[in-house]
Amino acid sequence: MPPIKLVRSKRKTLCIEVTSSCEVIVRAPLRVSEKEINRFIGEKADWIEKSLSKMKLRQNKKAEENSNLKPLNELDIKLFTTKAKRIIPVKVKKYAAIIGVDYGRITIKMQKSRWGSCSSKGNLNFNCLLMNAPDKIIDYVVVHELCHRKEMNHSPRFWAHVEEVLPDYKERRKWLKDHGNELYFF
């Protein structure tokens, strides 16, 4: 098992995350003892091992699929960023009106682990690599982030807001999960 990274914050519960790069992250409340954290990790050891195996298989599969593709270079990323700065704000404006929310600043940049995010102040961030995705996937990420203006979580109410705008959001979400790594290649 790889080293486990511990992240403490003002959260209420313990959780474990296995990232796509096979990093194991334990997120813990500030006041939870190391003994309690180690006990939690021990209880979840089988799940961690299973998740790491799945991620390694997924990485190998993606590497095989992408062996004929070239990784994006700096010029590709600049072009995607420029294109995203033209396209995404138009989509944000359109869907914000449909959802009935406002928003702050829109930032476009290359991100390794997120397609988009929404801050508590309403600022939106989008990954420029979305320009390598089908249009309906870009729409999904925009709607997803704008719905966080109504619910800053992934509760059933949040997903109901997404579904109101995109009844097929589950298919789009699955596409992004299954094909997201391909967007890093050209």
Protein backbone atom coordinates (compact mmCIF):
# COMPACT_ATOMS: atom_id res chain seq x y z
CA MET A 1 0.00 0.00 0.00
CA PRO A 2 1.37 3.48 -0.87
CA PRO A 3 1.89 6.11 1.83
CA ILE A 4 -1.35 7.62 3.05
CA LYS A 5 -1.76 11.38 2.94
CA LEU A 6 -3.68 12.89 5.85
CA VAL A 7 -5.70 16.09 5.29
CA ARG A 8 -7.33 17.69 8.31
CA SER A 9 -10.08 20.27 7.93
CA LYS A 10 -13.29 21.56 9.50
CA ARG A 11 -15.24 18.58 8.24
CA LYS A 12 -17.46 16.42 10.44
CA THR A 13 -16.61 12.90 9.27
CA LEU A 14 -13.65 10.74 8.28
CA CYS A 15 -13.37 9.64 4.67
CA ILE A 16 -10.85 7.90 2.42
CA GLU A 17 -10.22 8.78 -1.21
CA VAL A 18 -8.21 6.79 -3.75
CA THR A 19 -7.30 9.17 -6.57
CA SER A 20 -6.90 8.30 -10.25
CA SER A 21 -3.12 8.55 -9.72
CA CYS A 22 -3.39 5.84 -6.98
CA GLU A 23 -2.81 8.23 -4.11
CA VAL A 24 -4.61 7.39 -0.86
CA ILE A 25 -5.95 10.43 1.00
CA VAL A 26 -7.62 10.33 4.41
CA ARG A 27 -9.69 13.41 5.17
CA ALA A 28 -10.28 13.94 8.88
CA PRO A 29 -11.88 16.46 11.22
CA LEU A 30 -9.42 18.62 13.14
CA ARG A 31 -10.19 17.07 16.54
CA VAL A 32 -10.04 13.36 15.64
CA SER A 33 -7.04 11.58 17.22
CA GLU A 34 -4.40 9.73 15.21
CA LYS A 35 -5.39 6.54 17.03
CA GLU A 36 -8.98 6.92 15.76
CA ILE A 37 -7.72 7.69 12.24
CA ASN A 38 -5.47 4.60 12.23
CA ARG A 39 -8.36 2.44 13.44
CA PHE A 40 -10.54 3.82 10.62
CA ILE A 41 -7.81 3.08 8.05
CA GLY A 42 -7.48 -0.47 9.43
CA GLU A 43 -11.23 -1.03 9.09
CA LYS A 44 -11.12 0.20 5.50
CA ALA A 45 -7.90 -1.63 4.48
CA ASP A 46 -9.71 -4.15 2.24
CA TRP A 47 -11.67 -1.36 0.51
CA ILE A 48 -8.44 0.63 -0.01
CA GLU A 49 -6.66 -2.36 -1.57
CA LYS A 50 -9.65 -3.11 -3.84
CA SER A 51 -9.88 0.54 -4.91
CA LEU A 52 -6.13 0.72 -5.61
CA SER A 53 -6.35 -2.44 -7.74
CA LYS A 54 -9.27 -0.97 -9.72
CA MET A 55 -7.40 2.29 -10.28
CA LYS A 56 -4.26 0.47 -11.43
CA LEU A 57 -6.31 -1.61 -13.88
CA ARG A 58 -8.02 1.54 -15.15
CA GLN A 59 -4.62 3.26 -15.59
CA ASN A 60 -3.26 0.30 -17.57
CA LYS A 61 -6.38 0.17 -19.75
CA LYS A 62 -6.21 3.92 -20.42
CA ALA A 63 -2.49 3.70 -21.21
CA GLU A 64 -3.20 0.99 -23.79
CA GLU A 65 -6.09 2.96 -25.31
CA ASN A 66 -4.05 6.16 -25.45
CA SER A 67 -0.81 4.62 -26.72
CA ASN A 68 -1.54 5.89 -30.26
CA LEU A 69 -2.41 9.39 -29.01
CA LYS A 70 0.05 12.12 -28.14
CA PRO A 71 -0.08 14.01 -24.85
CA LEU A 72 -1.12 17.63 -25.12
CA ASN A 73 1.70 20.17 -25.30
CA GLU A 74 1.79 23.80 -24.10
CA LEU A 75 0.53 25.13 -27.43
CA ASP A 76 -2.45 22.72 -27.39
CA ILE A 77 -3.31 23.87 -23.86
CA LYS A 78 -3.07 27.57 -24.86
CA LEU A 79 -5.36 26.92 -27.83
CA PHE A 80 -7.88 25.05 -25.67
CA THR A 81 -7.77 27.85 -23.07
CA THR A 82 -8.41 30.51 -25.71
CA LYS A 83 -11.27 28.51 -27.20
CA ALA A 84 -12.76 27.83 -23.73
CA LYS A 85 -12.68 31.56 -22.89
CA ARG A 86 -14.87 32.13 -25.96
CA ILE A 87 -17.28 29.22 -25.48
CA ILE A 88 -17.75 28.59 -21.75
CA PRO A 89 -18.89 32.09 -20.67
CA VAL A 90 -21.65 31.97 -23.31
CA LYS A 91 -22.83 28.61 -21.96
CA VAL A 92 -22.61 29.85 -18.35
CA LYS A 93 -24.76 32.88 -19.18
CA LYS A 94 -27.33 30.72 -20.99
CA TYR A 95 -27.64 28.07 -18.27
CA ALA A 96 -27.49 30.56 -15.36
CA ALA A 97 -30.63 32.19 -16.81
CA ILE A 98 -32.35 28.79 -17.13
CA ILE A 99 -31.39 27.71 -13.59
CA GLY A 100 -32.10 31.14 -12.14
CA VAL A 101 -28.76 31.78 -10.45
CA ASP A 102 -26.07 34.42 -10.59
CA TYR A 103 -22.32 33.84 -10.59
CA GLY A 104 -19.06 35.69 -10.07
CA ARG A 105 -15.82 35.45 -11.99
CA ILE A 106 -15.21 32.71 -14.58
CA THR A 107 -11.67 31.28 -14.70
CA ILE A 108 -10.38 28.89 -17.35
CA LYS A 109 -7.18 26.95 -16.71
CA MET A 110 -5.54 23.57 -17.07
CA GLN A 111 -6.42 21.38 -14.08
CA LYS A 112 -5.23 17.86 -13.37
CA SER A 113 -8.07 16.58 -11.23
CA ARG A 114 -11.20 18.68 -11.79
CA TRP A 115 -13.39 19.59 -14.71
CA GLY A 116 -14.95 22.49 -12.87
CA SER A 117 -15.58 24.00 -9.48
CA CYS A 118 -17.76 26.63 -7.84
CA SER A 119 -16.65 28.68 -4.85
CA SER A 120 -18.93 29.83 -2.06
CA LYS A 121 -18.67 33.34 -3.55
CA GLY A 122 -20.03 32.06 -6.86
CA ASN A 123 -16.75 32.12 -8.77
CA LEU A 124 -16.58 29.40 -11.40
CA ASN A 125 -13.48 27.53 -12.57
CA PHE A 126 -13.39 25.31 -15.65
CA ASN A 127 -10.74 23.03 -17.07
CA CYS A 128 -9.62 24.13 -20.54
CA LEU A 129 -9.43 20.45 -21.57
CA LEU A 130 -13.24 20.42 -21.73
CA MET A 131 -12.71 21.80 -25.24
CA ASN A 132 -11.53 18.30 -26.15
CA ALA A 133 -14.91 16.86 -25.00
CA PRO A 134 -18.24 16.63 -26.85
CA ASP A 135 -20.42 19.74 -26.55
CA LYS A 136 -23.03 17.99 -24.40
CA ILE A 137 -20.32 17.10 -21.85
CA ILE A 138 -19.24 20.75 -21.64
CA ASP A 139 -22.91 21.64 -21.04
CA TYR A 140 -23.08 19.03 -18.25
CA VAL A 141 -20.05 20.47 -16.42
CA VAL A 142 -21.41 24.03 -16.75
CA VAL A 143 -24.84 23.00 -15.43
CA HIS A 144 -23.25 20.95 -12.64
CA GLU A 145 -21.21 23.92 -11.40
CA LEU A 146 -24.10 26.38 -11.71
CA CYS A 147 -26.36 24.06 -9.70
CA HIS A 148 -23.85 24.43 -6.87
CA ARG A 149 -25.12 28.02 -6.66
CA LYS A 150 -28.32 26.46 -5.29
CA GLU A 151 -26.77 23.56 -3.33
CA MET A 152 -23.08 23.58 -2.34
CA ASN A 153 -23.02 19.78 -2.04
CA HIS A 154 -23.94 16.63 -3.97
CA SER A 155 -27.18 15.90 -2.10
CA PRO A 156 -30.29 14.46 -3.77
CA ARG A 157 -31.61 18.04 -4.00
CA PHE A 158 -28.48 19.08 -5.90
CA TRP A 159 -28.88 16.24 -8.41
CA ALA A 160 -32.59 17.08 -8.79
CA HIS A 161 -31.59 20.61 -9.88
CA VAL A 162 -29.15 19.14 -12.43
CA GLU A 163 -31.81 16.72 -13.70
CA GLU A 164 -34.33 19.55 -14.19
CA VAL A 165 -32.00 21.08 -16.77
CA LEU A 166 -30.38 17.91 -18.15
CA PRO A 167 -32.67 14.87 -17.77
CA ASP A 168 -29.88 12.67 -19.23
CA TYR A 169 -27.18 14.01 -16.88
CA LYS A 170 -26.36 10.47 -15.60
CA GLU A 171 -25.26 9.40 -19.10
CA ARG A 172 -23.17 12.54 -19.50
CA ARG A 173 -21.62 12.09 -16.05
CA LYS A 174 -20.78 8.45 -16.88
CA TRP A 175 -19.20 9.50 -20.19
CA LEU A 176 -16.95 11.95 -18.35
CA LYS A 177 -15.99 9.32 -15.77
CA ASP A 178 -15.26 6.71 -18.49
CA HIS A 179 -13.55 8.99 -21.01
CA GLY A 180 -12.18 11.91 -18.98
CA ASN A 181 -8.59 10.67 -19.11
CA GLU A 182 -8.75 10.68 -22.92
CA LEU A 183 -9.19 14.47 -22.88
CA TYR A 184 -5.52 14.81 -21.85
CA PHE A 185 -4.47 13.48 -25.27
CA PHE A 186 -4.92 14.67 -28.84
